[in-house]
Protein backbone atom coordinates (compact mmCIF):
# COMPACT_ATOMS: atom_id res chain seq x y z
CA UNK A 1 28.87 175.71 50.32
CA UNK A 2 28.47 173.66 47.11
CA UNK A 3 32.17 174.01 46.31
CA UNK A 4 33.13 172.84 49.80
CA UNK A 5 30.95 169.71 49.47
CA UNK A 6 32.35 169.01 46.02
CA UNK A 7 35.90 169.30 47.29
CA UNK A 8 35.05 167.01 50.23
CA UNK A 9 33.70 164.27 47.92
CA UNK A 10 36.64 164.69 45.58
CA UNK A 11 39.05 164.28 48.51
CA UNK A 12 37.24 161.07 49.59
CA UNK A 13 37.50 159.73 46.05
CA UNK A 14 41.23 160.42 45.92
CA UNK A 15 41.73 158.79 49.33
CA UNK A 16 39.77 155.69 48.24
CA UNK A 17 41.86 155.39 45.09
CA UNK A 18 45.06 155.63 47.12
CA UNK A 19 43.86 152.89 49.51
CA UNK A 20 42.91 150.66 46.54
CA UNK A 21 46.28 151.26 44.88
CA UNK A 22 48.14 150.43 48.09
CA UNK A 23 46.16 147.21 48.61
CA UNK A 24 46.60 146.14 44.98
CA UNK A 25 50.36 146.78 44.88
CA UNK A 26 50.85 145.12 48.27
CA UNK A 27 48.52 142.12 48.09
CA UNK A 28 47.28 141.94 44.49
CA UNK A 29 43.73 141.09 43.47
CA UNK A 30 42.15 138.14 45.31
CA UNK A 31 42.90 134.96 43.37
CA UNK A 32 39.92 133.17 41.84
CA UNK A 33 39.07 129.83 43.40
CA UNK A 34 39.96 126.96 41.01
CA UNK A 35 36.89 124.92 40.07
CA UNK A 36 36.97 122.01 37.65
CA UNK A 37 35.96 118.37 37.29
CA UNK A 38 37.59 115.19 36.03
CA UNK A 39 36.32 111.66 35.33
CA UNK A 40 37.95 108.28 35.95
CA UNK A 41 37.09 105.17 33.93
CA UNK A 42 38.59 101.69 33.96
CA UNK A 43 38.84 98.49 31.94
CA UNK A 44 36.83 99.17 28.78
CA UNK A 45 38.65 96.54 26.68
CA UNK A 46 36.36 95.20 23.93
CA UNK A 47 33.17 96.66 25.42
CA UNK A 48 32.98 99.44 22.86
CA UNK A 49 29.26 100.27 23.13
CA UNK A 50 29.40 100.46 26.92
CA UNK A 51 32.58 102.54 26.75
CA UNK A 52 31.03 104.95 24.25
CA UNK A 53 27.94 105.26 26.45
CA UNK A 54 30.17 106.31 29.37
CA UNK A 55 31.99 108.85 27.22
CA UNK A 56 28.65 110.23 25.99
CA UNK A 57 27.48 110.71 29.57
CA UNK A 58 30.72 112.52 30.41
CA UNK A 59 30.13 114.78 27.39
CA UNK A 60 26.39 115.41 27.87
CA UNK A 61 26.20 115.33 31.70
CA UNK A 62 22.60 114.09 31.59
CA UNK A 63 22.93 113.10 35.24
CA UNK A 64 24.09 116.13 37.20
CA UNK A 65 22.18 116.57 40.47
CA UNK A 66 22.94 119.31 42.98
CA UNK A 67 25.60 120.37 43.64
CA UNK A 68 26.11 120.76 39.91
CA UNK A 69 29.41 119.56 38.47
CA UNK A 70 31.26 121.57 35.87
CA UNK A 71 32.11 119.86 32.53
CA UNK A 72 34.91 117.32 32.92
CA UNK A 73 38.22 118.73 31.74
CA UNK A 74 40.19 115.48 32.09
CA UNK A 75 39.42 111.79 31.54
CA UNK A 76 41.79 109.28 33.16
CA UNK A 77 41.49 105.62 32.15
CA UNK A 78 43.17 103.45 34.76
CA UNK A 79 44.28 100.64 32.48
CA UNK A 80 43.14 97.75 30.30
CA UNK A 81 42.10 99.92 27.37
CA UNK A 82 43.15 97.25 24.88
CA UNK A 83 42.45 97.65 21.97
CA UNK A 84 43.73 101.09 22.87
CA UNK A 85 43.78 102.60 19.40
CA UNK A 86 40.10 101.72 18.84
CA UNK A 87 39.01 102.99 22.26
CA UNK A 88 41.02 106.20 21.77
CA UNK A 89 39.34 106.74 18.40
CA UNK A 90 35.98 106.29 20.14
CA UNK A 91 36.93 109.08 22.53
CA UNK A 92 37.92 111.38 19.66
CA UNK A 93 34.67 110.66 17.80
CA UNK A 94 32.46 111.22 20.88
CA UNK A 95 34.01 114.63 21.50
CA UNK A 96 34.46 115.65 17.87
CA UNK A 97 31.73 118.31 17.89
CA UNK A 98 32.50 119.84 21.29
CA UNK A 99 34.22 123.18 21.70
CA UNK A 100 36.97 121.69 23.84
CA UNK A 101 37.68 117.99 24.37
CA UNK A 102 38.76 116.83 27.82
CA UNK A 103 42.35 115.70 28.10
CA UNK A 104 42.77 111.93 27.78
CA UNK A 105 45.28 110.41 30.24
CA UNK A 106 46.00 106.69 29.75
CA UNK A 107 47.27 104.37 32.48
CA UNK A 108 49.06 101.15 31.62
CA UNK A 109 47.29 97.94 32.65
CA UNK A 110 48.23 94.31 32.24
CA UNK A 111 46.31 93.95 28.97
CA UNK A 112 48.25 96.80 27.35
CA UNK A 113 51.00 94.23 26.83
CA UNK A 114 48.85 91.93 24.71
CA UNK A 115 49.04 91.92 20.89
CA UNK A 116 52.85 92.08 21.12
CA UNK A 117 52.63 95.20 23.30
CA UNK A 118 50.99 97.32 20.61
CA UNK A 119 48.63 99.13 23.08
CA UNK A 120 51.59 99.93 25.35
CA UNK A 121 53.57 101.40 22.48
CA UNK A 122 50.56 103.37 21.23
CA UNK A 123 50.15 104.99 24.65
CA UNK A 124 53.89 105.61 24.99
CA UNK A 125 54.58 106.94 21.50
CA UNK A 126 51.31 108.54 20.39
CA UNK A 127 48.91 109.50 23.18
CA UNK A 128 51.18 110.56 26.06
CA UNK A 129 53.53 112.80 24.00
CA UNK A 130 50.47 114.73 22.72
CA UNK A 131 49.19 115.65 26.20
CA UNK A 132 49.77 119.40 26.72
CA UNK A 133 52.19 120.23 29.56
CA UNK A 134 52.79 116.59 30.46
CA UNK A 135 56.00 115.82 32.38
CA UNK A 136 57.34 112.33 31.68
CA UNK A 137 59.80 110.43 33.82
CA UNK A 138 61.80 110.01 30.63
CA UNK A 139 60.89 110.22 26.91
CA UNK A 140 60.07 106.52 26.58
CA UNK A 141 58.24 106.19 29.88
CA UNK A 142 54.53 105.72 30.58
CA UNK A 143 55.10 107.22 34.03
CA UNK A 144 54.21 110.90 34.00
CA UNK A 145 52.45 113.70 35.81
CA UNK A 146 50.34 116.69 34.91
CA UNK A 147 49.50 119.86 36.82
CA UNK A 148 46.03 121.27 36.19
CA UNK A 149 44.73 124.28 38.13
CA UNK A 150 45.49 123.45 41.80
CA UNK A 151 45.87 119.67 41.35
CA UNK A 152 48.67 117.32 40.36
CA UNK A 153 47.86 114.01 38.61
CA UNK A 154 50.53 111.30 38.98
CA UNK A 155 50.26 108.28 36.63
CA UNK A 156 52.28 105.10 37.14
CA UNK A 157 53.04 102.10 34.97
CA UNK A 158 53.24 99.19 37.40
CA UNK A 159 54.70 96.74 34.87
CA UNK A 160 57.84 98.21 33.32
CA UNK A 161 60.49 100.12 35.30
CA UNK A 162 58.58 101.21 38.41
CA UNK A 163 56.71 98.00 39.11
CA UNK A 164 56.39 94.31 38.50
CA UNK A 165 53.09 92.53 37.81
CA UNK A 166 51.28 95.71 38.78
CA UNK A 167 53.01 96.19 42.15
CA UNK A 168 54.89 99.48 42.58
CA UNK A 169 58.50 98.77 43.53
CA UNK A 170 61.03 100.76 45.58
CA UNK A 171 62.14 102.75 42.55
CA UNK A 172 58.53 103.62 41.81
CA UNK A 173 57.90 104.61 45.40
CA UNK A 174 60.90 106.93 45.31
CA UNK A 175 59.79 108.53 42.05
CA UNK A 176 56.26 109.16 43.35
CA UNK A 177 57.62 110.69 46.55
CA UNK A 178 59.92 112.98 44.58
CA UNK A 179 57.00 114.12 42.38
CA UNK A 180 54.84 114.77 45.46
CA UNK A 181 57.59 116.76 47.18
CA UNK A 182 58.35 118.81 44.07
CA UNK A 183 54.77 120.08 43.71
CA UNK A 184 54.63 123.91 43.74
CA UNK A 185 52.77 125.80 46.46
CA UNK A 186 49.75 126.32 44.22
CA UNK A 187 49.05 122.57 44.26
CA UNK A 188 46.45 121.81 46.94
CA UNK A 189 45.50 118.29 45.83
CA UNK A 190 47.43 115.29 44.54
CA UNK A 191 45.77 112.27 42.92
CA UNK A 192 47.59 109.04 42.02
CA UNK A 193 46.59 106.54 39.34
CA UNK A 194 47.73 102.99 38.57
CA UNK A 195 45.98 99.82 37.47
CA UNK A 196 46.06 97.09 40.12
CA UNK A 197 44.65 97.92 43.57
CA UNK A 198 46.75 98.08 46.70
CA UNK A 199 43.79 96.58 48.58
CA UNK A 200 41.80 94.39 46.15
CA UNK A 201 38.22 93.37 46.74
CA UNK A 202 35.91 90.98 44.87
CA UNK A 203 38.62 89.72 42.46
CA UNK A 204 42.42 89.34 42.30
CA UNK A 205 42.52 88.82 46.06
CA UNK A 206 45.73 86.78 45.95
CA UNK A 207 47.61 88.91 43.44
CA UNK A 208 47.72 92.69 42.84
CA UNK A 209 49.52 94.30 45.79
CA UNK A 210 48.42 91.41 48.03
CA UNK A 211 51.14 89.36 46.34
CA UNK A 212 53.75 91.65 47.94
CA UNK A 213 52.36 93.14 51.17
CA UNK A 214 55.78 94.48 52.20
CA UNK A 215 55.99 96.69 49.08
CA UNK A 216 52.33 97.63 49.43
CA UNK A 217 52.72 98.74 53.05
CA UNK A 218 55.87 100.71 52.29
CA UNK A 219 54.16 102.48 49.40
CA UNK A 220 51.04 103.33 51.40
CA UNK A 221 52.99 104.53 54.42
CA UNK A 222 54.98 106.83 52.14
CA UNK A 223 51.71 108.32 50.85
CA UNK A 224 50.47 108.84 54.40
CA UNK A 225 53.44 111.10 55.12
CA UNK A 226 51.93 113.50 52.55
CA UNK A 227 48.26 113.04 53.41
CA UNK A 228 47.94 116.82 53.76
CA UNK A 229 47.94 116.84 49.92
CA UNK A 230 47.44 113.26 48.67
CA UNK A 231 43.66 112.90 48.41
CA UNK A 232 43.02 109.61 46.63
CA UNK A 233 44.49 106.69 44.73
CA UNK A 234 42.43 105.53 41.72
CA UNK A 235 42.72 101.96 40.43
CA UNK A 236 40.85 99.42 38.30
CA UNK A 237 41.52 95.76 37.43
CA UNK A 238 38.77 94.11 39.55
CA UNK A 239 35.85 95.30 37.34
CA UNK A 240 33.93 96.23 40.52
CA UNK A 241 33.40 99.69 41.97
CA UNK A 242 34.28 100.15 45.64
CA UNK A 243 36.03 102.66 47.85
CA UNK A 244 37.80 102.63 51.17
CA UNK A 245 39.98 104.91 53.28
CA UNK A 246 43.10 103.26 54.69
CA UNK A 247 45.22 104.54 57.56
CA UNK A 248 46.91 101.27 58.57
CA UNK A 249 47.84 99.21 55.49
CA UNK A 250 48.87 96.22 57.59
CA UNK A 251 45.80 96.36 59.84
CA UNK A 252 42.99 93.82 59.95
CA UNK A 253 40.36 95.97 58.14
CA UNK A 254 42.71 96.72 55.22
CA UNK A 255 43.42 93.01 54.80
CA UNK A 256 39.91 91.66 55.33
CA UNK A 257 38.48 90.86 51.90
CA UNK A 258 34.96 91.54 53.21
CA UNK A 259 35.76 94.92 54.80
CA UNK A 260 35.59 98.40 53.29
CA UNK A 261 37.18 100.49 56.05
CA UNK A 262 36.78 104.24 56.39
CA UNK A 263 39.65 105.14 58.72
CA UNK A 264 40.02 108.75 59.83
CA UNK A 265 43.32 110.21 58.69
CA UNK A 266 43.69 107.64 55.93
CA UNK A 267 43.90 107.99 52.15
CA UNK A 268 41.14 106.89 49.80
CA UNK A 269 41.57 104.02 47.38
CA UNK A 270 38.83 104.18 44.74
CA UNK A 271 38.38 101.29 42.32
CA UNK A 272 36.66 102.71 39.24
CA UNK A 273 35.08 99.37 38.32
CA UNK A 274 34.74 99.01 34.56
CA UNK A 275 33.38 100.89 31.56
CA UNK A 276 33.02 97.94 29.25
CA UNK A 277 34.49 94.82 30.82
CA UNK A 278 32.44 94.48 34.00
CA UNK A 279 28.90 93.77 35.17
CA UNK A 280 28.05 97.49 35.32
CA UNK A 281 29.17 100.64 33.53
CA UNK A 282 30.89 102.94 36.05
CA UNK A 283 32.02 106.57 35.94
CA UNK A 284 33.80 108.13 38.92
CA UNK A 285 33.62 111.93 38.80
CA UNK A 286 35.53 114.37 40.98
CA UNK A 287 34.91 118.09 41.29
CA UNK A 288 37.45 120.41 42.87
CA UNK A 289 36.29 123.76 44.17
CA UNK A 290 39.29 125.39 45.82
CA UNK A 291 40.11 123.22 48.83
CA UNK A 292 36.79 121.35 48.72
CA UNK A 293 36.39 118.09 46.77
CA UNK A 294 33.21 116.22 45.87
CA UNK A 295 33.43 112.64 44.60
CA UNK A 296 30.44 111.21 42.69
CA UNK A 297 29.86 107.79 41.15
CA UNK A 298 27.47 107.11 38.27
CA UNK A 299 26.33 103.66 37.16
CA UNK A 300 24.43 102.24 34.19
CA UNK A 301 23.76 98.84 32.72
CA UNK A 302 26.14 97.74 30.00
CA UNK A 303 25.33 98.61 26.42
CA UNK A 304 24.47 101.60 24.26
CA UNK A 305 22.13 104.34 25.46
CA UNK A 306 21.59 102.90 28.95
CA UNK A 307 20.73 105.67 31.45
CA UNK A 308 23.07 106.46 34.33
CA UNK A 309 22.14 107.14 37.93
CA UNK A 310 24.10 108.34 40.94
CA UNK A 311 24.99 105.50 43.30
CA UNK A 312 27.54 107.15 45.62
CA UNK A 313 28.81 110.56 46.68
CA UNK A 314 31.17 111.83 49.37
CA UNK A 315 33.18 114.94 50.13
CA UNK A 316 36.57 116.05 51.30
CA UNK A 317 36.74 119.32 53.22
CA UNK A 318 39.96 120.26 55.04
């Protein structure tokens, strides 16, 4: 009787192993869900103490309410980081004692062309070439993209080849569309970064993309074609934090300087305010957990050691 039971259990074990082997060879192990966070800052310029305070908060995560964010793996600065070499050295010093520093992705702003273009050249020739796995439009370009986990980050220079005075031109629109379309199947989310807002509020209301609404509308409508993957556009320049979701770029809400529309089916534009050259110190954090995205905004007074607090949070869930 004992031998019969033993044989029965042994047969069940063999059958289970065969089922597991079949499932593994056919479907593979279930893929782990990508989970990571990144931070967006803007316009530090000469505000070194405020900038360093923002970087310290990104490093220490003193403000991290539920749902908890993972440590930021990428920092994107959407322009006006002049003096860039000093601000980049601040970043390296803040993260010098950490096990792994977040990647630093610079975006070209209008002030990167001051001081005879030294900040522009420093980004082009020193910082961008050192980014692991970066794909540049060409070796001397500040237009590039980076794939990280299940997200693609597209960075544009709106002042050189792909834009004029911060406005993305037709050539830039075509390059962005090609980069969106070329994303591999593993990419669930695409984020786009440039300096001057497509829909400015508070400041620069008569320039930025408002100076060329035809180019702005064409660019935004191109993005809307790919809204199944394009999640948000991050900008700076105004030194004020605000967000909106735009479906109709030529509509009244998008062009009302007092409106902050939230249009279903649209794409978010998030102005990251300033981390040094504004009235408040702003950090925009984004956490990706598979297909789910949580956006969170932290704010502090300017200066060293000022505490941050959460002022905004919203989610994307397909």
